[in-house]
Amino acid sequence: MARIRAASRNEIDTLKNFIESIGFDVRKTPISWERLYVLDIEEAKYYDMFEIPFECFEKSYLCKGSVYSAGLYLGLIYRTPKGLGFKPGLPLAKRLSKVCKICNRKCHVVNERGEKRFLYGKPVPKEMILNVGSRPLGIVINILGEPLGWGRIEAGGGALRLTPIMDLGWYLRRGG
């Protein structure tokens, strides 16, 4: 049985900790913390987290049958041996990229050739990276400030590269 419930304080704190871990100030992020909900499915290994405007939440109860999602998908909450973990979704990258446009140091920026490689799920070499974000894991944007997904800066063999974690092309390759 699936149900949508308000996110617990622990789940909200897990999201806040993730956002801080990628270099953002949670007080300045465009997220309504009081409107966070979780799709709770019995015996699930993870829970999808959404930001749902009250109007959508209220109307979801009028639907007969089950509601799979509503509002803005943020990512999923999962259990770890140390507590809860968070895996971000692409809509969260889009939401936070608005802050990247103001201060590019928080996001990884790639040129046009790097954008193409990233969207094909291939590592982006240093010469195609225009800006390295403030943390290894971060949002990847193109030169126009458009979000491309999530990537991690890695240094191996003396060379810097950006490895895709989840990108917009993922939906076409295996996600859709």
Protein backbone atom coordinates (compact mmCIF):
# COMPACT_ATOMS: atom_id res chain seq x y z
CA MET A 1 0.00 0.00 0.00
CA ALA A 2 1.36 3.41 -0.95
CA ARG A 3 0.60 6.67 0.80
CA ILE A 4 1.90 10.21 0.77
CA ARG A 5 2.87 11.52 4.20
CA ALA A 6 4.63 14.58 5.55
CA ALA A 7 8.40 14.15 5.68
CA SER A 8 9.77 13.51 9.15
CA ARG A 9 12.23 15.89 10.81
CA ASN A 10 14.98 13.27 10.28
CA GLU A 11 14.17 13.02 6.54
CA ILE A 12 14.14 16.82 6.15
CA ASP A 13 17.45 17.06 7.99
CA THR A 14 18.90 14.40 5.65
CA LEU A 15 17.96 16.56 2.64
CA LYS A 16 19.37 19.68 4.33
CA ASN A 17 22.63 17.85 5.12
CA PHE A 18 22.92 16.77 1.48
CA ILE A 19 22.35 20.32 0.22
CA GLU A 20 24.98 21.65 2.62
CA SER A 21 27.40 18.88 1.58
CA ILE A 22 27.35 20.17 -2.01
CA GLY A 23 28.14 23.73 -0.91
CA PHE A 24 24.73 25.42 -0.69
CA ASP A 25 23.26 27.43 2.17
CA VAL A 26 19.91 25.80 2.99
CA ARG A 27 18.52 29.17 4.09
CA LYS A 28 19.03 30.49 0.56
CA THR A 29 17.78 27.50 -1.42
CA PRO A 30 14.43 27.81 -3.20
CA ILE A 31 12.76 24.92 -1.33
CA SER A 32 9.64 25.17 0.84
CA TRP A 33 10.76 23.08 3.81
CA GLU A 34 7.26 22.89 5.27
CA ARG A 35 5.88 21.34 2.06
CA LEU A 36 8.04 18.23 1.90
CA TYR A 37 6.29 14.89 1.55
CA VAL A 38 7.40 11.31 1.15
CA LEU A 39 5.83 8.54 -0.93
CA ASP A 40 5.75 5.77 1.64
CA ILE A 41 5.42 2.22 0.32
CA GLU A 42 5.35 -0.73 2.70
CA GLU A 43 8.62 -2.68 2.81
CA ALA A 44 10.30 -0.31 0.33
CA LYS A 45 14.08 0.08 0.42
CA TYR A 46 13.77 3.81 -0.23
CA TYR A 47 11.21 6.63 -0.15
CA ASP A 48 10.72 9.23 -2.87
CA MET A 49 10.67 12.82 -1.56
CA PHE A 50 8.59 15.58 -3.12
CA GLU A 51 7.91 19.24 -2.53
CA ILE A 52 4.16 19.52 -2.95
CA PRO A 53 2.18 22.76 -2.99
CA PHE A 54 -0.83 22.46 -0.68
CA GLU A 55 -3.25 22.82 -3.59
CA CYS A 56 -1.82 19.71 -5.29
CA PHE A 57 -1.74 17.76 -2.04
CA GLU A 58 -5.36 18.64 -1.29
CA LYS A 59 -6.50 17.54 -4.77
CA SER A 60 -4.56 14.27 -4.57
CA TYR A 61 -7.04 13.05 -1.96
CA LEU A 62 -9.90 13.59 -4.41
CA CYS A 63 -8.38 11.11 -6.89
CA LYS A 64 -9.69 7.59 -6.73
CA GLY A 65 -6.88 5.08 -6.98
CA SER A 66 -3.28 5.67 -6.06
CA VAL A 67 -1.17 8.76 -6.60
CA TYR A 68 2.35 7.91 -7.77
CA SER A 69 3.80 11.40 -7.62
CA ALA A 70 2.86 15.04 -7.26
CA GLY A 71 4.75 18.29 -7.09
CA LEU A 72 8.50 18.53 -7.56
CA TYR A 73 10.52 15.33 -7.21
CA LEU A 74 13.62 16.01 -5.10
CA GLY A 75 15.21 12.59 -4.76
CA LEU A 76 15.06 9.50 -2.63
CA ILE A 77 15.72 8.79 1.02
CA TYR A 78 17.32 5.44 1.86
CA ARG A 79 18.61 3.70 4.95
CA THR A 80 22.33 3.30 5.64
CA PRO A 81 24.10 1.63 8.58
CA LYS A 82 24.69 5.15 9.98
CA GLY A 83 21.14 6.49 9.47
CA LEU A 84 19.49 7.96 6.39
CA GLY A 85 21.04 8.85 3.03
CA PHE A 86 19.81 10.99 0.15
CA LYS A 87 20.18 10.46 -3.61
CA PRO A 88 19.26 13.58 -5.59
CA GLY A 89 16.97 13.65 -8.60
CA LEU A 90 17.29 15.72 -11.74
CA PRO A 91 14.48 18.15 -10.77
CA LEU A 92 16.46 19.10 -7.65
CA ALA A 93 19.45 19.94 -9.87
CA LYS A 94 17.18 22.16 -11.94
CA ARG A 95 15.84 23.90 -8.85
CA LEU A 96 19.27 24.50 -7.30
CA SER A 97 20.85 25.54 -10.63
CA LYS A 98 18.99 28.83 -10.28
CA VAL A 99 21.33 29.60 -7.39
CA CYS A 100 24.32 28.46 -9.51
CA LYS A 101 23.59 31.21 -12.03
CA ILE A 102 24.11 33.77 -9.28
CA CYS A 103 27.33 32.20 -8.03
CA ASN A 104 28.96 29.72 -10.44
CA ARG A 105 31.54 28.58 -7.92
CA LYS A 106 29.00 26.12 -6.48
CA CYS A 107 28.40 24.29 -9.77
CA HIS A 108 30.56 22.55 -12.32
CA VAL A 109 30.40 24.36 -15.67
CA VAL A 110 31.28 22.65 -18.95
CA ASN A 111 31.77 24.03 -22.46
CA GLU A 112 29.72 22.86 -25.47
CA ARG A 113 31.93 19.83 -26.18
CA GLY A 114 31.89 18.92 -22.50
CA GLU A 115 28.12 19.24 -22.44
CA LYS A 116 27.77 16.71 -25.25
CA ARG A 117 30.12 14.22 -23.54
CA PHE A 118 28.35 14.65 -20.22
CA LEU A 119 24.90 14.07 -21.76
CA TYR A 120 26.20 10.87 -23.36
CA GLY A 121 27.25 9.69 -19.89
CA LYS A 122 30.97 9.96 -20.64
CA PRO A 123 33.62 11.54 -18.39
CA VAL A 124 34.47 15.14 -19.26
CA PRO A 125 38.23 15.94 -19.42
CA LYS A 126 39.74 18.98 -17.70
CA GLU A 127 40.06 21.02 -20.90
CA MET A 128 36.25 20.97 -21.33
CA ILE A 129 35.53 22.06 -17.75
CA LEU A 130 35.19 25.83 -17.46
CA ASN A 131 34.57 25.96 -13.71
CA VAL A 132 35.00 23.44 -10.91
CA GLY A 133 32.35 23.74 -8.21
CA SER A 134 33.01 24.17 -4.52
CA ARG A 135 32.66 20.42 -3.76
CA PRO A 136 33.48 17.24 -5.72
CA LEU A 137 29.80 16.21 -6.06
CA GLY A 138 27.75 18.94 -7.64
CA ILE A 139 25.34 20.18 -10.22
CA VAL A 140 26.66 20.35 -13.77
CA ILE A 141 25.52 23.26 -15.90
CA ASN A 142 26.33 24.40 -19.43
CA ILE A 143 27.60 27.84 -20.42
CA LEU A 144 24.01 29.12 -20.56
CA GLY A 145 23.42 28.09 -16.95
CA GLU A 146 21.10 25.22 -17.89
CA PRO A 147 21.28 22.17 -15.60
CA LEU A 148 22.60 18.98 -17.20
CA GLY A 149 22.60 16.74 -14.13
CA TRP A 150 24.80 15.61 -11.25
CA GLY A 151 28.52 14.93 -11.59
CA ARG A 152 31.61 14.31 -9.50
CA ILE A 153 35.04 15.86 -10.00
CA GLU A 154 37.72 13.18 -9.77
CA ALA A 155 41.48 13.36 -9.95
CA GLY A 156 43.16 10.21 -11.19
CA GLY A 157 46.62 9.74 -12.66
CA GLY A 158 47.30 13.46 -12.31
CA ALA A 159 44.34 14.37 -14.55
CA LEU A 160 41.13 16.06 -13.49
CA ARG A 161 37.83 14.89 -14.95
CA LEU A 162 34.10 15.24 -14.37
CA THR A 163 32.25 11.93 -14.10
CA PRO A 164 28.48 11.91 -14.66
CA ILE A 165 26.38 10.50 -11.81
CA MET A 166 22.99 11.26 -13.34
CA ASP A 167 22.40 13.33 -16.45
CA LEU A 168 19.50 14.33 -18.67
CA GLY A 169 20.57 11.78 -21.28
CA TRP A 170 20.08 9.02 -18.70
CA TYR A 171 16.34 9.04 -19.37
CA LEU A 172 16.98 8.29 -23.03
CA ARG A 173 19.65 5.64 -22.45
CA ARG A 174 18.06 3.57 -19.68
CA GLY A 175 15.72 5.52 -17.46
CA GLY A 176 12.73 6.18 -19.68
